Amino acid sequence: MIGGLKPIPLVFWRSTAGNEPVRDWLNELPREDQRSIGHDIARVQFGWPVGLPVCRPMGKGLWEVRSSLPSRRDARVLFGFHDGMLIALSAFIKKTQTTPPAELALAHQRLKEVTK
């Protein structure tokens, strides 16, 4: 616990086969990039609600954590809330100005599965 604050618990979306794609994606990144994303997620966990530049609403219950990485790239982690937990649904390296529609659709689908 930081400064006596209780964080919002973070869980990773898990497939029926037991895979956690966001955790796997994070583990493949360089250590410095992992730390940067982890720091930004912690800001959301300990300081919710958080606005720009760290966090932005994406609609339909989705939010994104926005991270500028030491490797000079931008990363996004799409998440939602359920039962008092922050659920990491999808993550990617940002390559264009807009969020890829496939990533948004995937995150929406996963959030629906969780909230059934």
PDB file of N, CA and C in Angstrom:
ATOM      1  N   MET A   1       0.837  -1.172   0.000  1.00  0.00           N
ATOM      2  CA  MET A   1       0.000   0.000   0.000  1.00  0.00           C
ATOM      3  C   MET A   1       0.885   1.240   0.000  1.00  0.00           C
ATOM      4  N   ILE A   2       0.567   2.219  -0.841  1.00  0.00           N
ATOM      5  CA  ILE A   2       1.320   3.449  -0.945  1.00  0.00           C
ATOM      6  C   ILE A   2       0.585   4.537  -0.186  1.00  0.00           C
ATOM      7  N   GLY A   3       1.271   5.148   0.785  1.00  0.00           N
ATOM      8  CA  GLY A   3       0.687   6.265   1.501  1.00  0.00           C
ATOM      9  C   GLY A   3      -0.636   5.954   2.172  1.00  0.00           C
ATOM     10  N   GLY A   4      -0.877   4.710   2.568  1.00  0.00           N
ATOM     11  CA  GLY A   4      -2.096   4.328   3.249  1.00  0.00           C
ATOM     12  C   GLY A   4      -3.305   4.175   2.337  1.00  0.00           C
ATOM     13  N   LEU A   5      -3.131   4.362   1.047  1.00  0.00           N
ATOM     14  CA  LEU A   5      -4.239   4.202   0.120  1.00  0.00           C
ATOM     15  C   LEU A   5      -4.398   2.744  -0.281  1.00  0.00           C
ATOM     16  N   LYS A   6      -5.645   2.341  -0.451  1.00  0.00           N
ATOM     17  CA  LYS A   6      -5.908   0.970  -0.882  1.00  0.00           C
ATOM     18  C   LYS A   6      -6.126   0.976  -2.388  1.00  0.00           C
ATOM     19  N   PRO A   7      -5.323   0.205  -3.130  1.00  0.00           N
ATOM     20  CA  PRO A   7      -5.466   0.218  -4.593  1.00  0.00           C
ATOM     21  C   PRO A   7      -6.686  -0.568  -5.061  1.00  0.00           C
ATOM     22  N   ILE A   8      -7.150  -0.210  -6.258  1.00  0.00           N
ATOM     23  CA  ILE A   8      -8.163  -1.016  -6.929  1.00  0.00           C
ATOM     24  C   ILE A   8      -7.434  -2.262  -7.425  1.00  0.00           C
ATOM     25  N   PRO A   9      -7.889  -3.454  -7.078  1.00  0.00           N
ATOM     26  CA  PRO A   9      -7.198  -4.669  -7.529  1.00  0.00           C
ATOM     27  C   PRO A   9      -7.171  -4.771  -9.054  1.00  0.00           C
ATOM     28  N   LEU A  10      -6.047  -5.225  -9.582  1.00  0.00           N
ATOM     29  CA  LEU A  10      -5.879  -5.427 -11.020  1.00  0.00           C
ATOM     30  C   LEU A  10      -5.895  -6.917 -11.312  1.00  0.00           C
ATOM     31  N   VAL A  11      -6.690  -7.303 -12.301  1.00  0.00           N
ATOM     32  CA  VAL A  11      -6.670  -8.673 -12.791  1.00  0.00           C
ATOM     33  C   VAL A  11      -6.522  -8.626 -14.305  1.00  0.00           C
ATOM     34  N   PHE A  12      -5.953  -9.667 -14.859  1.00  0.00           N
ATOM     35  CA  PHE A  12      -5.791  -9.785 -16.295  1.00  0.00           C
ATOM     36  C   PHE A  12      -6.896 -10.678 -16.837  1.00  0.00           C
ATOM     37  N   TRP A  13      -7.495 -10.266 -17.951  1.00  0.00           N
ATOM     38  CA  TRP A  13      -8.500 -11.106 -18.599  1.00  0.00           C
ATOM     39  C   TRP A  13      -7.862 -12.451 -18.913  1.00  0.00           C
ATOM     40  N   ARG A  14      -8.610 -13.516 -18.642  1.00  0.00           N
ATOM     41  CA  ARG A  14      -8.107 -14.871 -18.860  1.00  0.00           C
ATOM     42  C   ARG A  14      -9.049 -15.621 -19.791  1.00  0.00           C
ATOM     43  N   SER A  15      -8.468 -16.254 -20.809  1.00  0.00           N
ATOM     44  CA  SER A  15      -9.274 -17.033 -21.753  1.00  0.00           C
ATOM     45  C   SER A  15      -9.741 -18.325 -21.080  1.00  0.00           C
ATOM     46  N   THR A  16     -10.664 -19.026 -21.728  1.00  0.00           N
ATOM     47  CA  THR A  16     -11.140 -20.300 -21.178  1.00  0.00           C
ATOM     48  C   THR A  16     -10.001 -21.329 -21.125  1.00  0.00           C
ATOM     49  N   ALA A  17      -8.976 -21.149 -21.965  1.00  0.00           N
ATOM     50  CA  ALA A  17      -7.810 -22.049 -21.953  1.00  0.00           C
ATOM     51  C   ALA A  17      -6.805 -21.662 -20.871  1.00  0.00           C
ATOM     52  N   GLY A  18      -7.081 -20.550 -20.156  1.00  0.00           N
ATOM     53  CA  GLY A  18      -6.194 -20.125 -19.079  1.00  0.00           C
ATOM     54  C   GLY A  18      -5.101 -19.156 -19.503  1.00  0.00           C
ATOM     55  N   ASN A  19      -5.135 -18.688 -20.757  1.00  0.00           N
ATOM     56  CA  ASN A  19      -4.125 -17.738 -21.227  1.00  0.00           C
ATOM     57  C   ASN A  19      -4.465 -16.324 -20.760  1.00  0.00           C
ATOM     58  N   GLU A  20      -3.431 -15.540 -20.496  1.00  0.00           N
ATOM     59  CA  GLU A  20      -3.591 -14.141 -20.130  1.00  0.00           C
ATOM     60  C   GLU A  20      -2.797 -13.298 -21.134  1.00  0.00           C
ATOM     61  N   PRO A  21      -3.432 -12.938 -22.255  1.00  0.00           N
ATOM     62  CA  PRO A  21      -2.703 -12.276 -23.341  1.00  0.00           C
ATOM     63  C   PRO A  21      -2.068 -10.944 -22.962  1.00  0.00           C
ATOM     64  N   VAL A  22      -2.704 -10.156 -22.103  1.00  0.00           N
ATOM     65  CA  VAL A  22      -2.111  -8.870 -21.724  1.00  0.00           C
ATOM     66  C   VAL A  22      -0.861  -9.096 -20.880  1.00  0.00           C
ATOM     67  N   ARG A  23      -0.921 -10.020 -19.940  1.00  0.00           N
ATOM     68  CA  ARG A  23       0.256 -10.340 -19.117  1.00  0.00           C
ATOM     69  C   ARG A  23       1.387 -10.863 -20.009  1.00  0.00           C
ATOM     70  N   ASP A  24       1.054 -11.733 -20.958  1.00  0.00           N
ATOM     71  CA  ASP A  24       2.067 -12.269 -21.876  1.00  0.00           C
ATOM     72  C   ASP A  24       2.698 -11.148 -22.698  1.00  0.00           C
ATOM     73  N   TRP A  25       1.880 -10.227 -23.189  1.00  0.00           N
ATOM     74  CA  TRP A  25       2.373  -9.098 -23.969  1.00  0.00           C
ATOM     75  C   TRP A  25       3.330  -8.249 -23.137  1.00  0.00           C
ATOM     76  N   LEU A  26       2.922  -7.961 -21.905  1.00  0.00           N
ATOM     77  CA  LEU A  26       3.785  -7.172 -21.015  1.00  0.00           C
ATOM     78  C   LEU A  26       5.123  -7.866 -20.769  1.00  0.00           C
ATOM     79  N   ASN A  27       5.077  -9.169 -20.556  1.00  0.00           N
ATOM     80  CA  ASN A  27       6.308  -9.918 -20.267  1.00  0.00           C
ATOM     81  C   ASN A  27       7.281  -9.947 -21.443  1.00  0.00           C
ATOM     82  N   GLU A  28       6.784  -9.707 -22.654  1.00  0.00           N
ATOM     83  CA  GLU A  28       7.647  -9.697 -23.832  1.00  0.00           C
ATOM     84  C   GLU A  28       8.335  -8.350 -24.051  1.00  0.00           C
ATOM     85  N   LEU A  29       7.894  -7.310 -23.359  1.00  0.00           N
ATOM     86  CA  LEU A  29       8.467  -5.976 -23.521  1.00  0.00           C
ATOM     87  C   LEU A  29       9.782  -5.841 -22.758  1.00  0.00           C
ATOM     88  N   PRO A  30      10.633  -4.892 -23.160  1.00  0.00           N
ATOM     89  CA  PRO A  30      11.840  -4.612 -22.381  1.00  0.00           C
ATOM     90  C   PRO A  30      11.476  -4.198 -20.950  1.00  0.00           C
ATOM     91  N   ARG A  31      12.330  -4.501 -19.999  1.00  0.00           N
ATOM     92  CA  ARG A  31      12.068  -4.252 -18.576  1.00  0.00           C
ATOM     93  C   ARG A  31      11.706  -2.783 -18.310  1.00  0.00           C
ATOM     94  N   GLU A  32      12.396  -1.844 -18.957  1.00  0.00           N
ATOM     95  CA  GLU A  32      12.115  -0.420 -18.730  1.00  0.00           C
ATOM     96  C   GLU A  32      10.697  -0.063 -19.192  1.00  0.00           C
ATOM     97  N   ASP A  33      10.266  -0.642 -20.311  1.00  0.00           N
ATOM     98  CA  ASP A  33       8.914  -0.408 -20.805  1.00  0.00           C
ATOM     99  C   ASP A  33       7.888  -1.014 -19.849  1.00  0.00           C
ATOM    100  N   GLN A  34       8.171  -2.191 -19.329  1.00  0.00           N
ATOM    101  CA  GLN A  34       7.276  -2.828 -18.360  1.00  0.00           C
ATOM    102  C   GLN A  34       7.095  -1.926 -17.138  1.00  0.00           C
ATOM    103  N   ARG A  35       8.194  -1.379 -16.650  1.00  0.00           N
ATOM    104  CA  ARG A  35       8.124  -0.508 -15.471  1.00  0.00           C
ATOM    105  C   ARG A  35       7.281   0.733 -15.751  1.00  0.00           C
ATOM    106  N   SER A  36       7.439   1.314 -16.921  1.00  0.00           N
ATOM    107  CA  SER A  36       6.695   2.510 -17.282  1.00  0.00           C
ATOM    108  C   SER A  36       5.190   2.224 -17.321  1.00  0.00           C
ATOM    109  N   ILE A  37       4.812   1.142 -17.964  1.00  0.00           N
ATOM    110  CA  ILE A  37       3.395   0.764 -18.035  1.00  0.00           C
ATOM    111  C   ILE A  37       2.874   0.427 -16.637  1.00  0.00           C
ATOM    112  N   GLY A  38       3.658  -0.305 -15.870  1.00  0.00           N
ATOM    113  CA  GLY A  38       3.258  -0.646 -14.501  1.00  0.00           C
ATOM    114  C   GLY A  38       3.036   0.593 -13.647  1.00  0.00           C
ATOM    115  N   HIS A  39       3.906   1.596 -13.807  1.00  0.00           N
ATOM    116  CA  HIS A  39       3.761   2.846 -13.068  1.00  0.00           C
ATOM    117  C   HIS A  39       2.451   3.538 -13.448  1.00  0.00           C
ATOM    118  N   ASP A  40       2.144   3.576 -14.744  1.00  0.00           N
ATOM    119  CA  ASP A  40       0.914   4.232 -15.188  1.00  0.00           C
ATOM    120  C   ASP A  40      -0.327   3.476 -14.717  1.00  0.00           C
ATOM    121  N   ILE A  41      -0.280   2.167 -14.740  1.00  0.00           N
ATOM    122  CA  ILE A  41      -1.412   1.376 -14.231  1.00  0.00           C
ATOM    123  C   ILE A  41      -1.581   1.616 -12.728  1.00  0.00           C
ATOM    124  N   ALA A  42      -0.467   1.691 -12.005  1.00  0.00           N
ATOM    125  CA  ALA A  42      -0.530   1.961 -10.563  1.00  0.00           C
ATOM    126  C   ALA A  42      -1.157   3.324 -10.280  1.00  0.00           C
ATOM    127  N   ARG A  43      -0.888   4.297 -11.132  1.00  0.00           N
ATOM    128  CA  ARG A  43      -1.515   5.616 -10.959  1.00  0.00           C
ATOM    129  C   ARG A  43      -3.029   5.506 -11.043  1.00  0.00           C
ATOM    130  N   VAL A  44      -3.512   4.643 -11.929  1.00  0.00           N
ATOM    131  CA  VAL A  44      -4.957   4.419 -12.041  1.00  0.00           C
ATOM    132  C   VAL A  44      -5.451   3.669 -10.807  1.00  0.00           C
ATOM    133  N   GLN A  45      -4.740   2.635 -10.403  1.00  0.00           N
ATOM    134  CA  GLN A  45      -5.163   1.831  -9.253  1.00  0.00           C
ATOM    135  C   GLN A  45      -5.245   2.654  -7.974  1.00  0.00           C
ATOM    136  N   PHE A  46      -4.285   3.534  -7.755  1.00  0.00           N
ATOM    137  CA  PHE A  46      -4.220   4.283  -6.510  1.00  0.00           C
ATOM    138  C   PHE A  46      -4.891   5.652  -6.575  1.00  0.00           C
ATOM    139  N   GLY A  47      -5.179   6.144  -7.777  1.00  0.00           N
ATOM    140  CA  GLY A  47      -5.694   7.493  -7.872  1.00  0.00           C
ATOM    141  C   GLY A  47      -6.973   7.658  -8.650  1.00  0.00           C
ATOM    142  N   TRP A  48      -7.719   6.547  -8.844  1.00  0.00           N
ATOM    143  CA  TRP A  48      -8.927   6.625  -9.654  1.00  0.00           C
ATOM    144  C   TRP A  48      -9.900   7.619  -9.056  1.00  0.00           C
ATOM    145  N   PRO A  49     -10.538   8.497  -9.799  1.00  0.00           N
ATOM    146  CA  PRO A  49     -10.465   8.623 -11.247  1.00  0.00           C
ATOM    147  C   PRO A  49      -9.239   9.426 -11.684  1.00  0.00           C
ATOM    148  N   VAL A  50      -8.666   9.025 -12.804  1.00  0.00           N
ATOM    149  CA  VAL A  50      -7.490   9.669 -13.377  1.00  0.00           C
ATOM    150  C   VAL A  50      -7.840  10.082 -14.799  1.00  0.00           C
ATOM    151  N   GLY A  51      -7.473  11.283 -15.163  1.00  0.00           N
ATOM    152  CA  GLY A  51      -7.768  11.765 -16.507  1.00  0.00           C
ATOM    153  C   GLY A  51      -6.526  11.804 -17.377  1.00  0.00           C
ATOM    154  N   LEU A  52      -6.622  12.577 -18.436  1.00  0.00           N
ATOM    155  CA  LEU A  52      -5.496  12.743 -19.354  1.00  0.00           C
ATOM    156  C   LEU A  52      -4.345  13.434 -18.621  1.00  0.00           C
ATOM    157  N   PRO A  53      -3.122  13.121 -18.934  1.00  0.00           N
ATOM    158  CA  PRO A  53      -2.664  12.351 -20.074  1.00  0.00           C
ATOM    159  C   PRO A  53      -2.545  10.850 -19.812  1.00  0.00           C
ATOM    160  N   VAL A  54      -2.840  10.379 -18.580  1.00  0.00           N
ATOM    161  CA  VAL A  54      -2.624   8.967 -18.245  1.00  0.00           C
ATOM    162  C   VAL A  54      -3.770   8.073 -18.680  1.00  0.00           C
ATOM    163  N   CYS A  55      -4.981   8.543 -18.541  1.00  0.00           N
ATOM    164  CA  CYS A  55      -6.138   7.676 -18.749  1.00  0.00           C
ATOM    165  C   CYS A  55      -7.201   8.426 -19.551  1.00  0.00           C
ATOM    166  N   ARG A  56      -7.873   7.680 -20.427  1.00  0.00           N
ATOM    167  CA  ARG A  56      -8.897   8.290 -21.281  1.00  0.00           C
ATOM    168  C   ARG A  56     -10.056   7.318 -21.465  1.00  0.00           C
ATOM    169  N   PRO A  57     -11.306   7.813 -21.403  1.00  0.00           N
ATOM    170  CA  PRO A  57     -12.457   6.934 -21.657  1.00  0.00           C
ATOM    171  C   PRO A  57     -12.549   6.597 -23.137  1.00  0.00           C
ATOM    172  N   MET A  58     -12.906   5.349 -23.421  1.00  0.00           N
ATOM    173  CA  MET A  58     -13.030   4.876 -24.800  1.00  0.00           C
ATOM    174  C   MET A  58     -14.481   4.538 -25.155  1.00  0.00           C
ATOM    175  N   GLY A  59     -15.387   4.667 -24.198  1.00  0.00           N
ATOM    176  CA  GLY A  59     -16.803   4.391 -24.431  1.00  0.00           C
ATOM    177  C   GLY A  59     -17.188   2.969 -24.071  1.00  0.00           C
ATOM    178  N   LYS A  60     -18.456   2.783 -23.797  1.00  0.00           N
ATOM    179  CA  LYS A  60     -19.035   1.475 -23.480  1.00  0.00           C
ATOM    180  C   LYS A  60     -18.310   0.766 -22.341  1.00  0.00           C
ATOM    181  N   GLY A  61     -17.891   1.533 -21.336  1.00  0.00           N
ATOM    182  CA  GLY A  61     -17.250   0.939 -20.162  1.00  0.00           C
ATOM    183  C   GLY A  61     -15.770   0.662 -20.312  1.00  0.00           C
ATOM    184  N   LEU A  62     -15.186   1.061 -21.427  1.00  0.00           N
ATOM    185  CA  LEU A  62     -13.749   0.855 -21.656  1.00  0.00           C
ATOM    186  C   LEU A  62     -12.963   2.132 -21.374  1.00  0.00           C
ATOM    187  N   TRP A  63     -11.743   1.924 -20.870  1.00  0.00           N
ATOM    188  CA  TRP A  63     -10.798   3.008 -20.619  1.00  0.00           C
ATOM    189  C   TRP A  63      -9.451   2.568 -21.159  1.00  0.00           C
ATOM    190  N   GLU A  64      -8.581   3.541 -21.406  1.00  0.00           N
ATOM    191  CA  GLU A  64      -7.226   3.185 -21.812  1.00  0.00           C
ATOM    192  C   GLU A  64      -6.215   3.858 -20.896  1.00  0.00           C
ATOM    193  N   VAL A  65      -5.177   3.093 -20.555  1.00  0.00           N
ATOM    194  CA  VAL A  65      -4.001   3.643 -19.889  1.00  0.00           C
ATOM    195  C   VAL A  65      -3.030   3.987 -21.005  1.00  0.00           C
ATOM    196  N   ARG A  66      -2.565   5.232 -20.997  1.00  0.00           N
ATOM    197  CA  ARG A  66      -1.692   5.741 -22.050  1.00  0.00           C
ATOM    198  C   ARG A  66      -0.270   5.847 -21.492  1.00  0.00           C
ATOM    199  N   SER A  67       0.656   5.136 -22.110  1.00  0.00           N
ATOM    200  CA  SER A  67       2.039   5.133 -21.634  1.00  0.00           C
ATOM    201  C   SER A  67       2.997   5.542 -22.743  1.00  0.00           C
ATOM    202  N   SER A  68       3.869   6.499 -22.435  1.00  0.00           N
ATOM    203  CA  SER A  68       4.989   6.841 -23.321  1.00  0.00           C
ATOM    204  C   SER A  68       6.192   6.084 -22.794  1.00  0.00           C
ATOM    205  N   LEU A  69       6.734   5.211 -23.615  1.00  0.00           N
ATOM    206  CA  LEU A  69       7.753   4.268 -23.169  1.00  0.00           C
ATOM    207  C   LEU A  69       9.174   4.799 -23.373  1.00  0.00           C
ATOM    208  N   PRO A  70      10.107   4.325 -22.537  1.00  0.00           N
ATOM    209  CA  PRO A  70      11.515   4.681 -22.716  1.00  0.00           C
ATOM    210  C   PRO A  70      12.057   4.287 -24.086  1.00  0.00           C
ATOM    211  N   SER A  71      11.456   3.282 -24.715  1.00  0.00           N
ATOM    212  CA  SER A  71      11.889   2.835 -26.039  1.00  0.00           C
ATOM    213  C   SER A  71      11.349   3.749 -27.146  1.00  0.00           C
ATOM    214  N   ARG A  72      10.806   4.896 -26.753  1.00  0.00           N
ATOM    215  CA  ARG A  72      10.291   5.915 -27.686  1.00  0.00           C
ATOM    216  C   ARG A  72       9.071   5.437 -28.479  1.00  0.00           C
ATOM    217  N   ARG A  73       8.274   4.608 -27.846  1.00  0.00           N
ATOM    218  CA  ARG A  73       7.020   4.147 -28.440  1.00  0.00           C
ATOM    219  C   ARG A  73       5.899   4.509 -27.473  1.00  0.00           C
ATOM    220  N   ASP A  74       4.680   4.400 -27.948  1.00  0.00           N
ATOM    221  CA  ASP A  74       3.512   4.612 -27.096  1.00  0.00           C
ATOM    222  C   ASP A  74       2.762   3.301 -26.969  1.00  0.00           C
ATOM    223  N   ALA A  75       2.347   2.998 -25.750  1.00  0.00           N
ATOM    224  CA  ALA A  75       1.598   1.766 -25.488  1.00  0.00           C
ATOM    225  C   ALA A  75       0.239   2.119 -24.912  1.00  0.00           C
ATOM    226  N   ARG A  76      -0.698   1.246 -25.137  1.00  0.00           N
ATOM    227  CA  ARG A  76      -2.044   1.397 -24.586  1.00  0.00           C
ATOM    228  C   ARG A  76      -2.474   0.079 -23.960  1.00  0.00           C
ATOM    229  N   VAL A  77      -3.091   0.187 -22.779  1.00  0.00           N
ATOM    230  CA  VAL A  77      -3.721  -0.963 -22.130  1.00  0.00           C
ATOM    231  C   VAL A  77      -5.193  -0.604 -21.984  1.00  0.00           C
ATOM    232  N   LEU A  78      -6.053  -1.384 -22.617  1.00  0.00           N
ATOM    233  CA  LEU A  78      -7.492  -1.164 -22.520  1.00  0.00           C
ATOM    234  C   LEU A  78      -8.031  -1.952 -21.335  1.00  0.00           C
ATOM    235  N   PHE A  79      -8.846  -1.294 -20.525  1.00  0.00           N
ATOM    236  CA  PHE A  79      -9.367  -1.958 -19.332  1.00  0.00           C
ATOM    237  C   PHE A  79     -10.794  -1.538 -19.065  1.00  0.00           C
ATOM    238  N   GLY A  80     -11.427  -2.309 -18.191  1.00  0.00           N
ATOM    239  CA  GLY A  80     -12.768  -2.007 -17.712  1.00  0.00           C
ATOM    240  C   GLY A  80     -12.831  -2.332 -16.234  1.00  0.00           C
ATOM    241  N   PHE A  81     -13.958  -2.084 -15.624  1.00  0.00           N
ATOM    242  CA  PHE A  81     -14.148  -2.391 -14.206  1.00  0.00           C
ATOM    243  C   PHE A  81     -15.247  -3.428 -14.059  1.00  0.00           C
ATOM    244  N   HIS A  82     -15.068  -4.313 -13.078  1.00  0.00           N
ATOM    245  CA  HIS A  82     -16.104  -5.286 -12.744  1.00  0.00           C
ATOM    246  C   HIS A  82     -15.865  -5.752 -11.319  1.00  0.00           C
ATOM    247  N   ASP A  83     -16.915  -5.758 -10.518  1.00  0.00           N
ATOM    248  CA  ASP A  83     -16.849  -6.196  -9.121  1.00  0.00           C
ATOM    249  C   ASP A  83     -15.706  -5.522  -8.364  1.00  0.00           C
ATOM    250  N   GLY A  84     -15.520  -4.227  -8.593  1.00  0.00           N
ATOM    251  CA  GLY A  84     -14.504  -3.477  -7.865  1.00  0.00           C
ATOM    252  C   GLY A  84     -13.077  -3.751  -8.300  1.00  0.00           C
ATOM    253  N   MET A  85     -12.921  -4.409  -9.436  1.00  0.00           N
ATOM    254  CA  MET A  85     -11.580  -4.714  -9.942  1.00  0.00           C
ATOM    255  C   MET A  85     -11.359  -4.027 -11.276  1.00  0.00           C
ATOM    256  N   LEU A  86     -10.114  -3.687 -11.531  1.00  0.00           N
ATOM    257  CA  LEU A  86      -9.685  -3.160 -12.821  1.00  0.00           C
ATOM    258  C   LEU A  86      -9.249  -4.372 -13.629  1.00  0.00           C
ATOM    259  N   ILE A  87      -9.835  -4.562 -14.800  1.00  0.00           N
ATOM    260  CA  ILE A  87      -9.553  -5.742 -15.604  1.00  0.00           C
ATOM    261  C   ILE A  87      -8.834  -5.333 -16.882  1.00  0.00           C
ATOM    262  N   ALA A  88      -7.579  -5.759 -17.032  1.00  0.00           N
ATOM    263  CA  ALA A  88      -6.796  -5.486 -18.239  1.00  0.00           C
ATOM    264  C   ALA A  88      -7.288  -6.416 -19.336  1.00  0.00           C
ATOM    265  N   LEU A  89      -7.834  -5.833 -20.403  1.00  0.00           N
ATOM    266  CA  LEU A  89      -8.501  -6.610 -21.441  1.00  0.00           C
ATOM    267  C   LEU A  89      -7.679  -6.781 -22.708  1.00  0.00           C
ATOM    268  N   SER A  90      -6.928  -5.755 -23.081  1.00  0.00           N
ATOM    269  CA  SER A  90      -6.167  -5.776 -24.321  1.00  0.00           C
ATOM    270  C   SER A  90      -5.027  -4.776 -24.192  1.00  0.00           C
ATOM    271  N   ALA A  91      -3.949  -4.998 -24.945  1.00  0.00           N
ATOM    272  CA  ALA A  91      -2.808  -4.082 -24.908  1.00  0.00           C
ATOM    273  C   ALA A  91      -2.080  -4.120 -26.241  1.00  0.00           C
ATOM    274  N   PHE A  92      -1.499  -2.991 -26.612  1.00  0.00           N
ATOM    275  CA  PHE A  92      -0.815  -2.911 -27.899  1.00  0.00           C
ATOM    276  C   PHE A  92       0.114  -1.714 -27.919  1.00  0.00           C
ATOM    277  N   ILE A  93       1.040  -1.729 -28.875  1.00  0.00           N
ATOM    278  CA  ILE A  93       1.899  -0.587 -29.165  1.00  0.00           C
ATOM    279  C   ILE A  93       1.158   0.282 -30.172  1.00  0.00           C
ATOM    280  N   LYS A  94       1.026   1.538 -29.858  1.00  0.00           N
ATOM    281  CA  LYS A  94       0.301   2.478 -30.711  1.00  0.00           C
ATOM    282  C   LYS A  94       1.128   2.797 -31.955  1.00  0.00           C
ATOM    283  N   LYS A  95       0.538   2.602 -33.123  1.00  0.00           N
ATOM    284  CA  LYS A  95       1.245   2.855 -34.381  1.00  0.00           C
ATOM    285  C   LYS A  95       0.567   3.923 -35.230  1.00  0.00           C
ATOM    286  N   THR A  96      -0.673   4.261 -34.892  1.00  0.00           N
ATOM    287  CA  THR A  96      -1.407   5.268 -35.650  1.00  0.00           C
ATOM    288  C   THR A  96      -2.063   6.233 -34.668  1.00  0.00           C
ATOM    289  N   GLN A  97      -2.625   7.321 -35.184  1.00  0.00           N
ATOM    290  CA  GLN A  97      -3.297   8.310 -34.345  1.00  0.00           C
ATOM    291  C   GLN A  97      -4.535   7.739 -33.652  1.00  0.00           C
ATOM    292  N   THR A  98      -5.238   6.847 -34.347  1.00  0.00           N
ATOM    293  CA  THR A  98      -6.476   6.307 -33.789  1.00  0.00           C
ATOM    294  C   THR A  98      -6.239   4.907 -33.217  1.00  0.00           C
ATOM    295  N   THR A  99      -7.082   4.546 -32.282  1.00  0.00           N
ATOM    296  CA  THR A  99      -7.018   3.200 -31.716  1.00  0.00           C
ATOM    297  C   THR A  99      -7.567   2.225 -32.752  1.00  0.00           C
ATOM    298  N   PRO A 100      -6.832   1.144 -33.026  1.00  0.00           N
ATOM    299  CA  PRO A 100      -7.310   0.180 -34.017  1.00  0.00           C
ATOM    300  C   PRO A 100      -8.703  -0.370 -33.647  1.00  0.00           C
ATOM    301  N   PRO A 101      -9.647  -0.314 -34.580  1.00  0.00           N
ATOM    302  CA  PRO A 101     -10.999  -0.819 -34.304  1.00  0.00           C
ATOM    303  C   PRO A 101     -10.996  -2.278 -33.827  1.00  0.00           C
ATOM    304  N   ALA A 102     -10.076  -3.093 -34.334  1.00  0.00           N
ATOM    305  CA  ALA A 102     -10.016  -4.499 -33.911  1.00  0.00           C
ATOM    306  C   ALA A 102      -9.669  -4.608 -32.428  1.00  0.00           C
ATOM    307  N   GLU A 103      -8.800  -3.728 -31.931  1.00  0.00           N
ATOM    308  CA  GLU A 103      -8.432  -3.744 -30.505  1.00  0.00           C
ATOM    309  C   GLU A 103      -9.621  -3.341 -29.637  1.00  0.00           C
ATOM    310  N   LEU A 104     -10.353  -2.316 -30.072  1.00  0.00           N
ATOM    311  CA  LEU A 104     -11.549  -1.895 -29.332  1.00  0.00           C
ATOM    312  C   LEU A 104     -12.602  -2.995 -29.319  1.00  0.00           C
ATOM    313  N   ALA A 105     -12.829  -3.628 -30.470  1.00  0.00           N
ATOM    314  CA  ALA A 105     -13.817  -4.704 -30.551  1.00  0.00           C
ATOM    315  C   ALA A 105     -13.417  -5.866 -29.647  1.00  0.00           C
ATOM    316  N   LEU A 106     -12.144  -6.213 -29.650  1.00  0.00           N
ATOM    317  CA  LEU A 106     -11.651  -7.303 -28.805  1.00  0.00           C
ATOM    318  C   LEU A 106     -11.854  -6.978 -27.330  1.00  0.00           C
ATOM    319  N   ALA A 107     -11.505  -5.757 -26.927  1.00  0.00           N
ATOM    320  CA  ALA A 107     -11.673  -5.363 -25.531  1.00  0.00           C
ATOM    321  C   ALA A 107     -13.148  -5.353 -25.134  1.00  0.00           C
ATOM    322  N   HIS A 108     -14.024  -4.859 -26.012  1.00  0.00           N
ATOM    323  CA  HIS A 108     -15.469  -4.873 -25.719  1.00  0.00           C
ATOM    324  C   HIS A 108     -15.979  -6.298 -25.547  1.00  0.00           C
ATOM    325  N   GLN A 109     -15.550  -7.188 -26.432  1.00  0.00           N
ATOM    326  CA  GLN A 109     -15.973  -8.584 -26.349  1.00  0.00           C
ATOM    327  C   GLN A 109     -15.520  -9.197 -25.023  1.00  0.00           C
ATOM    328  N   ARG A 110     -14.276  -8.970 -24.666  1.00  0.00           N
ATOM    329  CA  ARG A 110     -13.752  -9.534 -23.417  1.00  0.00           C
ATOM    330  C   ARG A 110     -14.461  -8.950 -22.201  1.00  0.00           C
ATOM    331  N   LEU A 111     -14.773  -7.655 -22.230  1.00  0.00           N
ATOM    332  CA  LEU A 111     -15.489  -7.047 -21.114  1.00  0.00           C
ATOM    333  C   LEU A 111     -16.882  -7.649 -20.982  1.00  0.00           C
ATOM    334  N   LYS A 112     -17.553  -7.889 -22.093  1.00  0.00           N
ATOM    335  CA  LYS A 112     -18.869  -8.531 -22.065  1.00  0.00           C
ATOM    336  C   LYS A 112     -18.789  -9.918 -21.438  1.00  0.00           C
ATOM    337  N   GLU A 113     -17.734 -10.673 -21.782  1.00  0.00           N
ATOM    338  CA  GLU A 113     -17.562 -12.012 -21.205  1.00  0.00           C
ATOM    339  C   GLU A 113     -17.416 -11.934 -19.693  1.00  0.00           C
ATOM    340  N   VAL A 114     -16.676 -10.963 -19.229  1.00  0.00           N
ATOM    341  CA  VAL A 114     -16.422 -10.822 -17.792  1.00  0.00           C
ATOM    342  C   VAL A 114     -17.669 -10.408 -17.045  1.00  0.00           C
ATOM    343  N   THR A 115     -18.467  -9.540 -17.637  1.00  0.00           N
ATOM    344  CA  THR A 115     -19.619  -8.972 -16.932  1.00  0.00           C
ATOM    345  C   THR A 115     -20.911  -9.771 -17.100  1.00  0.00           C
ATOM    346  N   LYS A 116     -20.837 -10.930 -17.748  1.00  0.00           N
ATOM    347  CA  LYS A 116     -22.041 -11.789 -17.909  1.00  0.00           C
ATOM    348  C   LYS A 116     -22.583 -12.198 -16.573  1.00  0.00           C
TER     349      LYS A 116
END
